[in-house]
Each structure stands twice: as C-alpha cells, then as structure tokens.
Amino acid sequence: MEKNTYSDEQMINTDSVQAEETKAAADLFGADLLARAEKGELSVEEAFDALDRIVAKMEEESISLEDSFNCYETGIRLVRYCSERIDRVEKKVRMLRGEGEAPLEEE
C-alpha cells in the first residue's frame, strides 16, 4: 500500500478549507449549537428547529458536497442528542407512574 504524504502547503490548504466549512456550518446553525448540545444546554425544540434548517439546506440544489456532509454530520449529532433527551424524560415518566426502570420498548 502506498502511504499518503502531504506537504506543509497541502496541510495549510486543508486547514483553510475546514475552517471555511466550520464557518459555513456556524452561519447556518449558530456557532455554539453542538457545544450547547454537548453540555446539555440545548432544548429539544431548538434542536428540532436546527434539524428543520438542516433539511431545508440539504434540499437546496446548489449545496456543495462538503456542505451536504457537514449538514448530515450535524444532523446525526442532533438526532442522537434529541433521542437521548427524550429517552431520559420517558424513563422519568415511567418512574413517576410507578413502572420503575423498565427498558424502553422498541417499535
């Protein structure tokens, strides 16, 4: 197998592209969206709103492959975040109803 080696110039160009992609995502979703989700400070409603914007962006014909991938990645993270938050609430409701720590049913 051939090992890929990159010059310093190629690495700088890659970093520049990644910075532009991060800026594009920040413009669309807010600079701190995923950071807030990681801290548990993002409401489920805010996450759903961001997911709606992601879907709308991905439906645009002019979206680049890179932006599409960034949208997909952000969307997956937000879906996981929402799922975890909803699961926690459902467990709390079950406990309050006296159903204990029953495992969640899969549909």
PDB file of N, CA and C in Angstrom:
ATOM      1  N   MET A   1       0.831  -1.181   0.000  1.00  0.00           N
ATOM      2  CA  MET A   1       0.000   0.000   0.000  1.00  0.00           C
ATOM      3  C   MET A   1       0.877   1.247   0.000  1.00  0.00           C
ATOM      4  N   GLU A   2       0.426   2.227  -0.682  1.00  0.00           N
ATOM      5  CA  GLU A   2       1.145   3.486  -0.767  1.00  0.00           C
ATOM      6  C   GLU A   2       0.685   4.412   0.343  1.00  0.00           C
ATOM      7  N   LYS A   3       1.632   4.969   1.048  1.00  0.00           N
ATOM      8  CA  LYS A   3       1.319   5.882   2.145  1.00  0.00           C
ATOM      9  C   LYS A   3       1.188   7.299   1.601  1.00  0.00           C
ATOM     10  N   ASN A   4       0.108   7.972   1.979  1.00  0.00           N
ATOM     11  CA  ASN A   4      -0.082   9.354   1.555  1.00  0.00           C
ATOM     12  C   ASN A   4       0.774  10.272   2.407  1.00  0.00           C
ATOM     13  N   THR A   5       1.512  11.137   1.766  1.00  0.00           N
ATOM     14  CA  THR A   5       2.257  12.162   2.479  1.00  0.00           C
ATOM     15  C   THR A   5       1.807  13.509   1.947  1.00  0.00           C
ATOM     16  N   TYR A   6       1.731  14.459   2.840  1.00  0.00           N
ATOM     17  CA  TYR A   6       1.248  15.775   2.465  1.00  0.00           C
ATOM     18  C   TYR A   6       2.295  16.814   2.809  1.00  0.00           C
ATOM     19  N   SER A   7       2.462  17.747   1.939  1.00  0.00           N
ATOM     20  CA  SER A   7       3.386  18.846   2.201  1.00  0.00           C
ATOM     21  C   SER A   7       2.746  19.810   3.180  1.00  0.00           C
ATOM     22  N   ASP A   8       3.567  20.697   3.747  1.00  0.00           N
ATOM     23  CA  ASP A   8       3.039  21.713   4.661  1.00  0.00           C
ATOM     24  C   ASP A   8       2.005  22.579   3.961  1.00  0.00           C
ATOM     25  N   GLU A   9       2.238  22.886   2.693  1.00  0.00           N
ATOM     26  CA  GLU A   9       1.304  23.722   1.937  1.00  0.00           C
ATOM     27  C   GLU A   9      -0.040  23.027   1.786  1.00  0.00           C
ATOM     28  N   GLN A  10      -0.031  21.716   1.514  1.00  0.00           N
ATOM     29  CA  GLN A  10      -1.286  20.979   1.386  1.00  0.00           C
ATOM     30  C   GLN A  10      -2.026  20.951   2.718  1.00  0.00           C
ATOM     31  N   MET A  11      -1.295  20.796   3.823  1.00  0.00           N
ATOM     32  CA  MET A  11      -1.924  20.768   5.143  1.00  0.00           C
ATOM     33  C   MET A  11      -2.551  22.127   5.462  1.00  0.00           C
ATOM     34  N   ILE A  12      -1.875  23.207   5.120  1.00  0.00           N
ATOM     35  CA  ILE A  12      -2.417  24.545   5.355  1.00  0.00           C
ATOM     36  C   ILE A  12      -3.684  24.736   4.540  1.00  0.00           C
ATOM     37  N   ASN A  13      -3.676  24.290   3.278  1.00  0.00           N
ATOM     38  CA  ASN A  13      -4.864  24.406   2.442  1.00  0.00           C
ATOM     39  C   ASN A  13      -6.016  23.594   3.017  1.00  0.00           C
ATOM     40  N   THR A  14      -5.740  22.404   3.521  1.00  0.00           N
ATOM     41  CA  THR A  14      -6.768  21.566   4.132  1.00  0.00           C
ATOM     42  C   THR A  14      -7.349  22.254   5.357  1.00  0.00           C
ATOM     43  N   ASP A  15      -6.483  22.813   6.194  1.00  0.00           N
ATOM     44  CA  ASP A  15      -6.960  23.525   7.381  1.00  0.00           C
ATOM     45  C   ASP A  15      -7.825  24.713   6.987  1.00  0.00           C
ATOM     46  N   SER A  16      -7.452  25.400   5.932  1.00  0.00           N
ATOM     47  CA  SER A  16      -8.216  26.554   5.456  1.00  0.00           C
ATOM     48  C   SER A  16      -9.609  26.130   4.999  1.00  0.00           C
ATOM     49  N   VAL A  17      -9.679  25.031   4.265  1.00  0.00           N
ATOM     50  CA  VAL A  17     -10.975  24.518   3.794  1.00  0.00           C
ATOM     51  C   VAL A  17     -11.839  24.118   4.981  1.00  0.00           C
ATOM     52  N   GLN A  18     -11.255  23.431   5.953  1.00  0.00           N
ATOM     53  CA  GLN A  18     -12.018  23.018   7.124  1.00  0.00           C
ATOM     54  C   GLN A  18     -12.524  24.226   7.899  1.00  0.00           C
ATOM     55  N   ALA A  19     -11.708  25.265   7.995  1.00  0.00           N
ATOM     56  CA  ALA A  19     -12.139  26.482   8.684  1.00  0.00           C
ATOM     57  C   ALA A  19     -13.315  27.121   7.956  1.00  0.00           C
ATOM     58  N   GLU A  20     -13.282  27.129   6.617  1.00  0.00           N
ATOM     59  CA  GLU A  20     -14.393  27.684   5.840  1.00  0.00           C
ATOM     60  C   GLU A  20     -15.655  26.864   6.032  1.00  0.00           C
ATOM     61  N   GLU A  21     -15.522  25.532   6.067  1.00  0.00           N
ATOM     62  CA  GLU A  21     -16.678  24.667   6.268  1.00  0.00           C
ATOM     63  C   GLU A  21     -17.268  24.873   7.650  1.00  0.00           C
ATOM     64  N   THR A  22     -16.401  25.017   8.658  1.00  0.00           N
ATOM     65  CA  THR A  22     -16.871  25.255  10.014  1.00  0.00           C
ATOM     66  C   THR A  22     -17.608  26.581  10.084  1.00  0.00           C
ATOM     67  N   LYS A  23     -17.096  27.608   9.399  1.00  0.00           N
ATOM     68  CA  LYS A  23     -17.754  28.906   9.375  1.00  0.00           C
ATOM     69  C   LYS A  23     -19.117  28.803   8.702  1.00  0.00           C
ATOM     70  N   ALA A  24     -19.194  28.047   7.601  1.00  0.00           N
ATOM     71  CA  ALA A  24     -20.473  27.882   6.900  1.00  0.00           C
ATOM     72  C   ALA A  24     -21.488  27.197   7.811  1.00  0.00           C
ATOM     73  N   ALA A  25     -21.051  26.179   8.526  1.00  0.00           N
ATOM     74  CA  ALA A  25     -21.956  25.488   9.443  1.00  0.00           C
ATOM     75  C   ALA A  25     -22.375  26.418  10.578  1.00  0.00           C
ATOM     76  N   ALA A  26     -21.432  27.216  11.089  1.00  0.00           N
ATOM     77  CA  ALA A  26     -21.744  28.149  12.167  1.00  0.00           C
ATOM     78  C   ALA A  26     -22.750  29.191  11.699  1.00  0.00           C
ATOM     79  N   ASP A  27     -22.609  29.655  10.462  1.00  0.00           N
ATOM     80  CA  ASP A  27     -23.557  30.632   9.926  1.00  0.00           C
ATOM     81  C   ASP A  27     -24.966  30.052   9.851  1.00  0.00           C
ATOM     82  N   LEU A  28     -25.059  28.790   9.496  1.00  0.00           N
ATOM     83  CA  LEU A  28     -26.362  28.149   9.345  1.00  0.00           C
ATOM     84  C   LEU A  28     -26.984  27.764  10.685  1.00  0.00           C
ATOM     85  N   PHE A  29     -26.183  27.210  11.582  1.00  0.00           N
ATOM     86  CA  PHE A  29     -26.733  26.615  12.801  1.00  0.00           C
ATOM     87  C   PHE A  29     -26.443  27.397  14.065  1.00  0.00           C
ATOM     88  N   GLY A  30     -25.575  28.368  14.010  1.00  0.00           N
ATOM     89  CA  GLY A  30     -25.155  29.058  15.222  1.00  0.00           C
ATOM     90  C   GLY A  30     -23.849  28.454  15.691  1.00  0.00           C
ATOM     91  N   ALA A  31     -22.926  29.287  16.038  1.00  0.00           N
ATOM     92  CA  ALA A  31     -21.573  28.844  16.349  1.00  0.00           C
ATOM     93  C   ALA A  31     -21.521  27.856  17.501  1.00  0.00           C
ATOM     94  N   ASP A  32     -22.431  27.960  18.420  1.00  0.00           N
ATOM     95  CA  ASP A  32     -22.327  27.144  19.623  1.00  0.00           C
ATOM     96  C   ASP A  32     -23.370  26.027  19.707  1.00  0.00           C
ATOM     97  N   LEU A  33     -24.034  25.726  18.627  1.00  0.00           N
ATOM     98  CA  LEU A  33     -25.134  24.752  18.655  1.00  0.00           C
ATOM     99  C   LEU A  33     -24.690  23.401  19.214  1.00  0.00           C
ATOM    100  N   LEU A  34     -23.674  22.798  18.607  1.00  0.00           N
ATOM    101  CA  LEU A  34     -23.229  21.481  19.063  1.00  0.00           C
ATOM    102  C   LEU A  34     -22.559  21.557  20.425  1.00  0.00           C
ATOM    103  N   ALA A  35     -21.870  22.656  20.695  1.00  0.00           N
ATOM    104  CA  ALA A  35     -21.250  22.819  22.014  1.00  0.00           C
ATOM    105  C   ALA A  35     -22.325  22.857  23.098  1.00  0.00           C
ATOM    106  N   ARG A  36     -23.412  23.568  22.830  1.00  0.00           N
ATOM    107  CA  ARG A  36     -24.521  23.625  23.785  1.00  0.00           C
ATOM    108  C   ARG A  36     -25.169  22.253  23.948  1.00  0.00           C
ATOM    109  N   ALA A  37     -25.279  21.514  22.854  1.00  0.00           N
ATOM    110  CA  ALA A  37     -25.847  20.163  22.941  1.00  0.00           C
ATOM    111  C   ALA A  37     -24.959  19.263  23.789  1.00  0.00           C
ATOM    112  N   GLU A  38     -23.645  19.341  23.588  1.00  0.00           N
ATOM    113  CA  GLU A  38     -22.726  18.517  24.369  1.00  0.00           C
ATOM    114  C   GLU A  38     -22.803  18.830  25.857  1.00  0.00           C
ATOM    115  N   LYS A  39     -23.093  20.078  26.195  1.00  0.00           N
ATOM    116  CA  LYS A  39     -23.219  20.482  27.602  1.00  0.00           C
ATOM    117  C   LYS A  39     -24.616  20.220  28.137  1.00  0.00           C
ATOM    118  N   GLY A  40     -25.550  19.800  27.282  1.00  0.00           N
ATOM    119  CA  GLY A  40     -26.929  19.566  27.705  1.00  0.00           C
ATOM    120  C   GLY A  40     -27.717  20.844  27.872  1.00  0.00           C
ATOM    121  N   GLU A  41     -27.250  21.935  27.260  1.00  0.00           N
ATOM    122  CA  GLU A  41     -27.894  23.237  27.403  1.00  0.00           C
ATOM    123  C   GLU A  41     -28.844  23.569  26.263  1.00  0.00           C
ATOM    124  N   LEU A  42     -28.954  22.705  25.283  1.00  0.00           N
ATOM    125  CA  LEU A  42     -29.796  22.933  24.118  1.00  0.00           C
ATOM    126  C   LEU A  42     -31.148  22.268  24.352  1.00  0.00           C
ATOM    127  N   SER A  43     -32.224  23.010  24.140  1.00  0.00           N
ATOM    128  CA  SER A  43     -33.546  22.408  24.302  1.00  0.00           C
ATOM    129  C   SER A  43     -33.846  21.512  23.100  1.00  0.00           C
ATOM    130  N   VAL A  44     -34.723  20.576  23.303  1.00  0.00           N
ATOM    131  CA  VAL A  44     -35.129  19.692  22.217  1.00  0.00           C
ATOM    132  C   VAL A  44     -35.794  20.506  21.107  1.00  0.00           C
ATOM    133  N   GLU A  45     -36.544  21.522  21.488  1.00  0.00           N
ATOM    134  CA  GLU A  45     -37.198  22.377  20.494  1.00  0.00           C
ATOM    135  C   GLU A  45     -36.175  23.108  19.628  1.00  0.00           C
ATOM    136  N   GLU A  46     -35.114  23.606  20.259  1.00  0.00           N
ATOM    137  CA  GLU A  46     -34.055  24.276  19.493  1.00  0.00           C
ATOM    138  C   GLU A  46     -33.360  23.294  18.545  1.00  0.00           C
ATOM    139  N   ALA A  47     -33.155  22.080  19.022  1.00  0.00           N
ATOM    140  CA  ALA A  47     -32.526  21.064  18.185  1.00  0.00           C
ATOM    141  C   ALA A  47     -33.429  20.712  16.999  1.00  0.00           C
ATOM    142  N   PHE A  48     -34.739  20.580  17.238  1.00  0.00           N
ATOM    143  CA  PHE A  48     -35.668  20.297  16.135  1.00  0.00           C
ATOM    144  C   PHE A  48     -35.684  21.438  15.121  1.00  0.00           C
ATOM    145  N   ASP A  49     -35.618  22.670  15.617  1.00  0.00           N
ATOM    146  CA  ASP A  49     -35.563  23.829  14.722  1.00  0.00           C
ATOM    147  C   ASP A  49     -34.303  23.769  13.862  1.00  0.00           C
ATOM    148  N   ALA A  50     -33.185  23.445  14.465  1.00  0.00           N
ATOM    149  CA  ALA A  50     -31.932  23.321  13.712  1.00  0.00           C
ATOM    150  C   ALA A  50     -32.027  22.186  12.698  1.00  0.00           C
ATOM    151  N   LEU A  51     -32.668  21.087  13.072  1.00  0.00           N
ATOM    152  CA  LEU A  51     -32.844  19.975  12.136  1.00  0.00           C
ATOM    153  C   LEU A  51     -33.700  20.388  10.944  1.00  0.00           C
ATOM    154  N   ASP A  52     -34.726  21.190  11.190  1.00  0.00           N
ATOM    155  CA  ASP A  52     -35.545  21.706  10.083  1.00  0.00           C
ATOM    156  C   ASP A  52     -34.703  22.533   9.125  1.00  0.00           C
ATOM    157  N   ARG A  53     -33.812  23.378   9.687  1.00  0.00           N
ATOM    158  CA  ARG A  53     -32.939  24.194   8.844  1.00  0.00           C
ATOM    159  C   ARG A  53     -31.943  23.331   8.079  1.00  0.00           C
ATOM    160  N   ILE A  54     -31.481  22.269   8.698  1.00  0.00           N
ATOM    161  CA  ILE A  54     -30.550  21.349   8.029  1.00  0.00           C
ATOM    162  C   ILE A  54     -31.229  20.698   6.835  1.00  0.00           C
ATOM    163  N   VAL A  55     -32.440  20.204   7.041  1.00  0.00           N
ATOM    164  CA  VAL A  55     -33.179  19.562   5.952  1.00  0.00           C
ATOM    165  C   VAL A  55     -33.399  20.539   4.808  1.00  0.00           C
ATOM    166  N   ALA A  56     -33.807  21.761   5.142  1.00  0.00           N
ATOM    167  CA  ALA A  56     -34.033  22.771   4.102  1.00  0.00           C
ATOM    168  C   ALA A  56     -32.748  23.050   3.333  1.00  0.00           C
ATOM    169  N   LYS A  57     -31.637  23.148   4.044  1.00  0.00           N
ATOM    170  CA  LYS A  57     -30.347  23.410   3.388  1.00  0.00           C
ATOM    171  C   LYS A  57     -29.963  22.250   2.474  1.00  0.00           C
ATOM    172  N   MET A  58     -30.170  21.036   2.947  1.00  0.00           N
ATOM    173  CA  MET A  58     -29.788  19.859   2.154  1.00  0.00           C
ATOM    174  C   MET A  58     -30.671  19.676   0.926  1.00  0.00           C
ATOM    175  N   GLU A  59     -31.867  20.244   0.951  1.00  0.00           N
ATOM    176  CA  GLU A  59     -32.761  20.147  -0.194  1.00  0.00           C
ATOM    177  C   GLU A  59     -32.439  21.156  -1.288  1.00  0.00           C
ATOM    178  N   GLU A  60     -31.577  22.120  -0.980  1.00  0.00           N
ATOM    179  CA  GLU A  60     -31.182  23.103  -1.978  1.00  0.00           C
ATOM    180  C   GLU A  60     -30.354  22.426  -3.066  1.00  0.00           C
ATOM    181  N   GLU A  61     -30.637  22.764  -4.307  1.00  0.00           N
ATOM    182  CA  GLU A  61     -29.904  22.168  -5.413  1.00  0.00           C
ATOM    183  C   GLU A  61     -28.463  22.643  -5.482  1.00  0.00           C
ATOM    184  N   SER A  62     -28.194  23.817  -4.956  1.00  0.00           N
ATOM    185  CA  SER A  62     -26.860  24.401  -5.081  1.00  0.00           C
ATOM    186  C   SER A  62     -25.905  23.995  -3.963  1.00  0.00           C
ATOM    187  N   ILE A  63     -26.330  23.126  -3.047  1.00  0.00           N
ATOM    188  CA  ILE A  63     -25.479  22.765  -1.918  1.00  0.00           C
ATOM    189  C   ILE A  63     -24.276  21.955  -2.406  1.00  0.00           C
ATOM    190  N   SER A  64     -23.116  22.284  -1.857  1.00  0.00           N
ATOM    191  CA  SER A  64     -21.894  21.554  -2.226  1.00  0.00           C
ATOM    192  C   SER A  64     -21.848  20.228  -1.468  1.00  0.00           C
ATOM    193  N   LEU A  65     -21.022  19.343  -1.935  1.00  0.00           N
ATOM    194  CA  LEU A  65     -20.856  18.051  -1.278  1.00  0.00           C
ATOM    195  C   LEU A  65     -20.348  18.242   0.149  1.00  0.00           C
ATOM    196  N   GLU A  66     -19.410  19.165   0.332  1.00  0.00           N
ATOM    197  CA  GLU A  66     -18.855  19.414   1.659  1.00  0.00           C
ATOM    198  C   GLU A  66     -19.917  19.947   2.615  1.00  0.00           C
ATOM    199  N   ASP A  67     -20.707  20.914   2.140  1.00  0.00           N
ATOM    200  CA  ASP A  67     -21.773  21.453   2.981  1.00  0.00           C
ATOM    201  C   ASP A  67     -22.822  20.386   3.278  1.00  0.00           C
ATOM    202  N   SER A  68     -23.104  19.556   2.301  1.00  0.00           N
ATOM    203  CA  SER A  68     -24.058  18.474   2.499  1.00  0.00           C
ATOM    204  C   SER A  68     -23.565  17.517   3.579  1.00  0.00           C
ATOM    205  N   PHE A  69     -22.288  17.173   3.523  1.00  0.00           N
ATOM    206  CA  PHE A  69     -21.712  16.278   4.527  1.00  0.00           C
ATOM    207  C   PHE A  69     -21.747  16.928   5.907  1.00  0.00           C
ATOM    208  N   ASN A  70     -21.387  18.214   5.985  1.00  0.00           N
ATOM    209  CA  ASN A  70     -21.413  18.914   7.268  1.00  0.00           C
ATOM    210  C   ASN A  70     -22.825  18.964   7.841  1.00  0.00           C
ATOM    211  N   CYS A  71     -23.800  19.206   6.973  1.00  0.00           N
ATOM    212  CA  CYS A  71     -25.197  19.198   7.412  1.00  0.00           C
ATOM    213  C   CYS A  71     -25.595  17.824   7.928  1.00  0.00           C
ATOM    214  N   TYR A  72     -25.212  16.798   7.193  1.00  0.00           N
ATOM    215  CA  TYR A  72     -25.545  15.422   7.597  1.00  0.00           C
ATOM    216  C   TYR A  72     -24.928  15.098   8.951  1.00  0.00           C
ATOM    217  N   GLU A  73     -23.650  15.429   9.109  1.00  0.00           N
ATOM    218  CA  GLU A  73     -22.956  15.142  10.364  1.00  0.00           C
ATOM    219  C   GLU A  73     -23.609  15.877  11.535  1.00  0.00           C
ATOM    220  N   THR A  74     -23.903  17.147  11.356  1.00  0.00           N
ATOM    221  CA  THR A  74     -24.554  17.926  12.406  1.00  0.00           C
ATOM    222  C   THR A  74     -25.937  17.363  12.706  1.00  0.00           C
ATOM    223  N   GLY A  75     -26.665  16.998  11.664  1.00  0.00           N
ATOM    224  CA  GLY A  75     -27.996  16.428  11.849  1.00  0.00           C
ATOM    225  C   GLY A  75     -27.976  15.136  12.639  1.00  0.00           C
ATOM    226  N   ILE A  76     -27.028  14.261  12.329  1.00  0.00           N
ATOM    227  CA  ILE A  76     -26.915  12.990  13.062  1.00  0.00           C
ATOM    228  C   ILE A  76     -26.633  13.252  14.537  1.00  0.00           C
ATOM    229  N   ARG A  77     -25.743  14.176  14.807  1.00  0.00           N
ATOM    230  CA  ARG A  77     -25.431  14.502  16.207  1.00  0.00           C
ATOM    231  C   ARG A  77     -26.658  15.048  16.924  1.00  0.00           C
ATOM    232  N   LEU A  78     -27.422  15.891  16.240  1.00  0.00           N
ATOM    233  CA  LEU A  78     -28.613  16.460  16.860  1.00  0.00           C
ATOM    234  C   LEU A  78     -29.697  15.405  17.079  1.00  0.00           C
ATOM    235  N   VAL A  79     -29.853  14.489  16.138  1.00  0.00           N
ATOM    236  CA  VAL A  79     -30.845  13.416  16.301  1.00  0.00           C
ATOM    237  C   VAL A  79     -30.475  12.550  17.499  1.00  0.00           C
ATOM    238  N   ARG A  80     -29.210  12.219  17.638  1.00  0.00           N
ATOM    239  CA  ARG A  80     -28.762  11.427  18.798  1.00  0.00           C
ATOM    240  C   ARG A  80     -29.025  12.183  20.096  1.00  0.00           C
ATOM    241  N   TYR A  81     -28.718  13.472  20.082  1.00  0.00           N
ATOM    242  CA  TYR A  81     -28.944  14.301  21.262  1.00  0.00           C
ATOM    243  C   TYR A  81     -30.422  14.288  21.652  1.00  0.00           C
ATOM    244  N   CYS A  82     -31.299  14.514  20.673  1.00  0.00           N
ATOM    245  CA  CYS A  82     -32.739  14.521  20.938  1.00  0.00           C
ATOM    246  C   CYS A  82     -33.213  13.169  21.446  1.00  0.00           C
ATOM    247  N   SER A  83     -32.728  12.118  20.839  1.00  0.00           N
ATOM    248  CA  SER A  83     -33.119  10.770  21.247  1.00  0.00           C
ATOM    249  C   SER A  83     -32.742  10.502  22.706  1.00  0.00           C
ATOM    250  N   GLU A  84     -31.533  10.883  23.079  1.00  0.00           N
ATOM    251  CA  GLU A  84     -31.098  10.692  24.463  1.00  0.00           C
ATOM    252  C   GLU A  84     -31.942  11.504  25.433  1.00  0.00           C
ATOM    253  N   ARG A  85     -32.221  12.754  25.068  1.00  0.00           N
ATOM    254  CA  ARG A  85     -33.033  13.607  25.946  1.00  0.00           C
ATOM    255  C   ARG A  85     -34.446  13.046  26.106  1.00  0.00           C
ATOM    256  N   ILE A  86     -35.042  12.610  25.018  1.00  0.00           N
ATOM    257  CA  ILE A  86     -36.399  12.063  25.063  1.00  0.00           C
ATOM    258  C   ILE A  86     -36.420  10.755  25.852  1.00  0.00           C
ATOM    259  N   ASP A  87     -35.403   9.921  25.683  1.00  0.00           N
ATOM    260  CA  ASP A  87     -35.320   8.671  26.447  1.00  0.00           C
ATOM    261  C   ASP A  87     -35.265   8.948  27.947  1.00  0.00           C
ATOM    262  N   ARG A  88     -34.481   9.960  28.341  1.00  0.00           N
ATOM    263  CA  ARG A  88     -34.380  10.312  29.760  1.00  0.00           C
ATOM    264  C   ARG A  88     -35.727  10.759  30.313  1.00  0.00           C
ATOM    265  N   VAL A  89     -36.427  11.570  29.550  1.00  0.00           N
ATOM    266  CA  VAL A  89     -37.739  12.047  30.001  1.00  0.00           C
ATOM    267  C   VAL A  89     -38.708  10.875  30.116  1.00  0.00           C
ATOM    268  N   GLU A  90     -38.681   9.984  29.143  1.00  0.00           N
ATOM    269  CA  GLU A  90     -39.572   8.828  29.174  1.00  0.00           C
ATOM    270  C   GLU A  90     -39.289   7.953  30.403  1.00  0.00           C
ATOM    271  N   LYS A  91     -38.027   7.753  30.743  1.00  0.00           N
ATOM    272  CA  LYS A  91     -37.675   6.968  31.933  1.00  0.00           C
ATOM    273  C   LYS A  91     -38.191   7.642  33.195  1.00  0.00           C
ATOM    274  N   LYS A  92     -38.081   8.970  33.263  1.00  0.00           N
ATOM    275  CA  LYS A  92     -38.580   9.694  34.430  1.00  0.00           C
ATOM    276  C   LYS A  92     -40.089   9.546  34.551  1.00  0.00           C
ATOM    277  N   VAL A  93     -40.794   9.623  33.433  1.00  0.00           N
ATOM    278  CA  VAL A  93     -42.249   9.471  33.446  1.00  0.00           C
ATOM    279  C   VAL A  93     -42.616   8.071  33.924  1.00  0.00           C
ATOM    280  N   ARG A  94     -41.898   7.071  33.447  1.00  0.00           N
ATOM    281  CA  ARG A  94     -42.183   5.694  33.885  1.00  0.00           C
ATOM    282  C   ARG A  94     -41.959   5.543  35.381  1.00  0.00           C
ATOM    283  N   MET A  95     -40.894   6.157  35.882  1.00  0.00           N
ATOM    284  CA  MET A  95     -40.637   6.074  37.324  1.00  0.00           C
ATOM    285  C   MET A  95     -41.750   6.761  38.104  1.00  0.00           C
ATOM    286  N   LEU A  96     -42.195   7.919  37.642  1.00  0.00           N
ATOM    287  CA  LEU A  96     -43.267   8.632  38.327  1.00  0.00           C
ATOM    288  C   LEU A  96     -44.576   7.857  38.301  1.00  0.00           C
ATOM    289  N   ARG A  97     -44.778   7.096  37.237  1.00  0.00           N
ATOM    290  CA  ARG A  97     -46.000   6.297  37.120  1.00  0.00           C
ATOM    291  C   ARG A  97     -45.888   4.989  37.887  1.00  0.00           C
ATOM    292  N   GLY A  98     -44.724   4.736  38.480  1.00  0.00           N
ATOM    293  CA  GLY A  98     -44.540   3.522  39.272  1.00  0.00           C
ATOM    294  C   GLY A  98     -44.128   2.321  38.441  1.00  0.00           C
ATOM    295  N   GLU A  99     -43.672   2.562  37.260  1.00  0.00           N
ATOM    296  CA  GLU A  99     -43.264   1.462  36.390  1.00  0.00           C
ATOM    297  C   GLU A  99     -41.784   1.140  36.533  1.00  0.00           C
ATOM    298  N   GLY A 100     -41.072   1.877  37.374  1.00  0.00           N
ATOM    299  CA  GLY A 100     -39.670   1.607  37.624  1.00  0.00           C
ATOM    300  C   GLY A 100     -38.778   1.849  36.434  1.00  0.00           C
ATOM    301  N   GLU A 101     -37.687   1.099  36.394  1.00  0.00           N
ATOM    302  CA  GLU A 101     -36.669   1.253  35.367  1.00  0.00           C
ATOM    303  C   GLU A 101     -36.884   0.280  34.208  1.00  0.00           C
ATOM    304  N   ALA A 102     -38.107   0.106  33.773  1.00  0.00           N
ATOM    305  CA  ALA A 102     -38.391  -0.824  32.694  1.00  0.00           C
ATOM    306  C   ALA A 102     -37.652  -0.389  31.433  1.00  0.00           C
ATOM    307  N   PRO A 103     -37.090  -1.344  30.691  1.00  0.00           N
ATOM    308  CA  PRO A 103     -36.402  -0.973  29.449  1.00  0.00           C
ATOM    309  C   PRO A 103     -37.378  -0.390  28.450  1.00  0.00           C
ATOM    310  N   LEU A 104     -36.877   0.506  27.616  1.00  0.00           N
ATOM    311  CA  LEU A 104     -37.718   1.119  26.600  1.00  0.00           C
ATOM    312  C   LEU A 104     -38.097   0.102  25.549  1.00  0.00           C
ATOM    313  N   GLU A 105     -39.342   0.140  25.125  1.00  0.00           N
ATOM    314  CA  GLU A 105     -39.806  -0.770  24.096  1.00  0.00           C
ATOM    315  C   GLU A 105     -39.366  -0.269  22.739  1.00  0.00           C
ATOM    316  N   GLU A 106     -38.948  -1.189  21.886  1.00  0.00           N
ATOM    317  CA  GLU A 106     -38.571  -0.821  20.526  1.00  0.00           C
ATOM    318  C   GLU A 106     -39.782  -1.009  19.633  1.00  0.00           C
ATOM    319  N   GLU A 107     -39.933  -0.059  18.726  1.00  0.00           N
ATOM    320  CA  GLU A 107     -41.065  -0.149  17.802  1.00  0.00           C
ATOM    321  C   GLU A 107     -40.614  -0.681  16.493  1.00  0.00           C
TER     322      GLU A 107
END
